[in-house]
N, C-alpha and C. Protein backbone atom coordinates (compact mmCIF):
# COMPACT_ATOMS: atom_id res chain seq x y z
N UNK A 1 16.85 -7.57 -5.04
CA UNK A 1 15.48 -7.27 -4.70
C UNK A 1 15.30 -5.76 -4.52
N UNK A 2 16.32 -5.09 -4.00
CA UNK A 2 16.21 -3.64 -3.79
C UNK A 2 15.96 -2.88 -5.09
N UNK A 3 16.64 -3.28 -6.16
CA UNK A 3 16.45 -2.61 -7.45
C UNK A 3 15.03 -2.79 -7.96
N UNK A 4 14.50 -3.98 -7.80
CA UNK A 4 13.13 -4.24 -8.27
C UNK A 4 12.11 -3.43 -7.48
N UNK A 5 12.30 -3.34 -6.19
CA UNK A 5 11.37 -2.57 -5.36
C UNK A 5 11.49 -1.08 -5.69
N UNK A 6 12.69 -0.59 -5.91
CA UNK A 6 12.86 0.81 -6.31
C UNK A 6 12.15 1.09 -7.63
N UNK A 7 12.19 0.15 -8.56
CA UNK A 7 11.49 0.31 -9.83
C UNK A 7 9.98 0.35 -9.61
N UNK A 8 9.48 -0.49 -8.74
CA UNK A 8 8.04 -0.51 -8.42
C UNK A 8 7.62 0.85 -7.86
N UNK A 9 8.43 1.40 -6.97
CA UNK A 9 8.12 2.71 -6.37
C UNK A 9 8.13 3.79 -7.44
N UNK A 10 9.13 3.77 -8.33
CA UNK A 10 9.22 4.78 -9.39
C UNK A 10 8.04 4.71 -10.35
N UNK A 11 7.52 3.50 -10.58
CA UNK A 11 6.38 3.34 -11.48
C UNK A 11 5.05 3.74 -10.82
N UNK A 12 5.07 3.99 -9.51
CA UNK A 12 3.89 4.50 -8.84
C UNK A 12 2.95 3.46 -8.27
N UNK A 13 3.40 2.23 -8.15
CA UNK A 13 2.54 1.19 -7.56
C UNK A 13 2.32 1.47 -6.08
N UNK A 14 1.16 1.10 -5.57
CA UNK A 14 0.82 1.33 -4.17
C UNK A 14 1.17 0.14 -3.29
N UNK A 15 1.33 -1.04 -3.89
CA UNK A 15 1.60 -2.25 -3.12
C UNK A 15 2.61 -3.11 -3.86
N UNK A 16 3.54 -3.69 -3.12
CA UNK A 16 4.55 -4.58 -3.68
C UNK A 16 4.56 -5.87 -2.86
N UNK A 17 4.35 -6.99 -3.52
CA UNK A 17 4.32 -8.28 -2.84
C UNK A 17 5.64 -8.98 -3.08
N UNK A 18 6.29 -9.37 -1.99
CA UNK A 18 7.59 -10.03 -2.07
C UNK A 18 7.56 -11.33 -1.29
N UNK A 19 8.51 -12.22 -1.53
CA UNK A 19 8.60 -13.45 -0.73
C UNK A 19 9.01 -13.11 0.71
N UNK A 20 8.46 -13.83 1.65
CA UNK A 20 8.78 -13.62 3.07
C UNK A 20 10.29 -13.77 3.31
N UNK A 21 10.93 -14.68 2.59
CA UNK A 21 12.36 -14.92 2.77
C UNK A 21 13.20 -13.72 2.35
N UNK A 22 12.70 -12.89 1.47
CA UNK A 22 13.45 -11.72 1.00
C UNK A 22 13.24 -10.50 1.88
N UNK A 23 12.29 -10.57 2.78
CA UNK A 23 11.95 -9.42 3.62
C UNK A 23 13.12 -8.97 4.49
N UNK A 24 13.88 -9.91 5.02
CA UNK A 24 14.98 -9.55 5.92
C UNK A 24 16.18 -8.97 5.17
N UNK A 25 16.29 -9.26 3.88
CA UNK A 25 17.44 -8.77 3.12
C UNK A 25 17.26 -7.36 2.58
N UNK A 26 16.10 -6.77 2.78
CA UNK A 26 15.85 -5.42 2.27
C UNK A 26 16.61 -4.39 3.10
N UNK A 27 17.24 -3.48 2.42
CA UNK A 27 17.90 -2.38 3.12
C UNK A 27 16.88 -1.26 3.31
N UNK A 28 17.27 -0.22 3.99
CA UNK A 28 16.38 0.91 4.23
C UNK A 28 16.11 1.61 2.90
N UNK A 29 14.89 1.50 2.42
CA UNK A 29 14.51 2.09 1.14
C UNK A 29 13.51 3.21 1.35
N UNK A 30 13.56 4.21 0.48
CA UNK A 30 12.56 5.28 0.50
C UNK A 30 11.38 4.80 -0.32
N UNK A 31 10.33 4.33 0.35
CA UNK A 31 9.20 3.71 -0.34
C UNK A 31 8.07 4.68 -0.65
N UNK A 32 8.13 5.87 -0.12
CA UNK A 32 7.03 6.80 -0.34
C UNK A 32 5.77 6.23 0.27
N UNK A 33 4.70 6.11 -0.51
CA UNK A 33 3.46 5.54 0.01
C UNK A 33 3.24 4.11 -0.47
N UNK A 34 4.29 3.45 -0.94
CA UNK A 34 4.20 2.06 -1.40
C UNK A 34 4.28 1.13 -0.20
N UNK A 35 3.35 0.19 -0.14
CA UNK A 35 3.30 -0.79 0.95
C UNK A 35 3.99 -2.07 0.52
N UNK A 36 4.87 -2.59 1.36
CA UNK A 36 5.55 -3.86 1.10
C UNK A 36 4.80 -4.95 1.86
N UNK A 37 4.38 -5.99 1.15
CA UNK A 37 3.67 -7.11 1.75
C UNK A 37 4.50 -8.37 1.50
N UNK A 38 4.86 -9.07 2.58
CA UNK A 38 5.65 -10.29 2.45
C UNK A 38 4.73 -11.51 2.61
N UNK A 39 4.85 -12.46 1.69
CA UNK A 39 4.00 -13.66 1.70
C UNK A 39 4.86 -14.90 1.81
N UNK A 40 4.34 -15.89 2.57
CA UNK A 40 5.07 -17.15 2.75
C UNK A 40 4.87 -18.11 1.61
N UNK A 41 3.70 -18.07 0.98
CA UNK A 41 3.42 -19.03 -0.09
C UNK A 41 2.46 -18.42 -1.11
N UNK A 42 2.21 -19.15 -2.18
CA UNK A 42 1.38 -18.66 -3.27
C UNK A 42 -0.07 -18.46 -2.83
N UNK A 43 -0.58 -19.34 -1.99
CA UNK A 43 -1.96 -19.21 -1.51
C UNK A 43 -2.15 -17.90 -0.74
N UNK A 44 -1.20 -17.58 0.11
CA UNK A 44 -1.27 -16.33 0.86
C UNK A 44 -1.24 -15.12 -0.08
N UNK A 45 -0.41 -15.18 -1.11
CA UNK A 45 -0.31 -14.10 -2.08
C UNK A 45 -1.63 -13.91 -2.82
N UNK A 46 -2.23 -15.02 -3.25
CA UNK A 46 -3.50 -14.95 -3.97
C UNK A 46 -4.59 -14.35 -3.08
N UNK A 47 -4.63 -14.73 -1.81
CA UNK A 47 -5.62 -14.17 -0.89
C UNK A 47 -5.44 -12.67 -0.71
N UNK A 48 -4.21 -12.21 -0.69
CA UNK A 48 -3.95 -10.77 -0.54
C UNK A 48 -4.34 -10.01 -1.80
N UNK A 49 -3.97 -10.53 -2.95
CA UNK A 49 -4.23 -9.84 -4.22
C UNK A 49 -5.72 -9.79 -4.53
N UNK A 50 -6.43 -10.88 -4.30
CA UNK A 50 -7.81 -10.96 -4.73
C UNK A 50 -8.83 -10.81 -3.61
N UNK A 51 -8.43 -10.30 -2.45
CA UNK A 51 -9.40 -10.10 -1.37
C UNK A 51 -10.34 -8.95 -1.74
N UNK A 52 -11.52 -9.03 -1.20
CA UNK A 52 -12.52 -7.98 -1.48
C UNK A 52 -12.18 -6.74 -0.69
N UNK A 53 -12.38 -5.61 -1.32
CA UNK A 53 -12.02 -4.34 -0.68
C UNK A 53 -13.22 -3.66 -0.11
């Protein structure tokens, strides 16, 4: 998971959505201004991605 998140940061994404179960396995990463959002299920992920800004 660390390699994937590092790739997301390098590509310049502002938000990265990961499974809640993977949140505890993350090591200390230099995320810059990228926000990590952990979701428990698909419904929660959809609500985060498609919420009105």
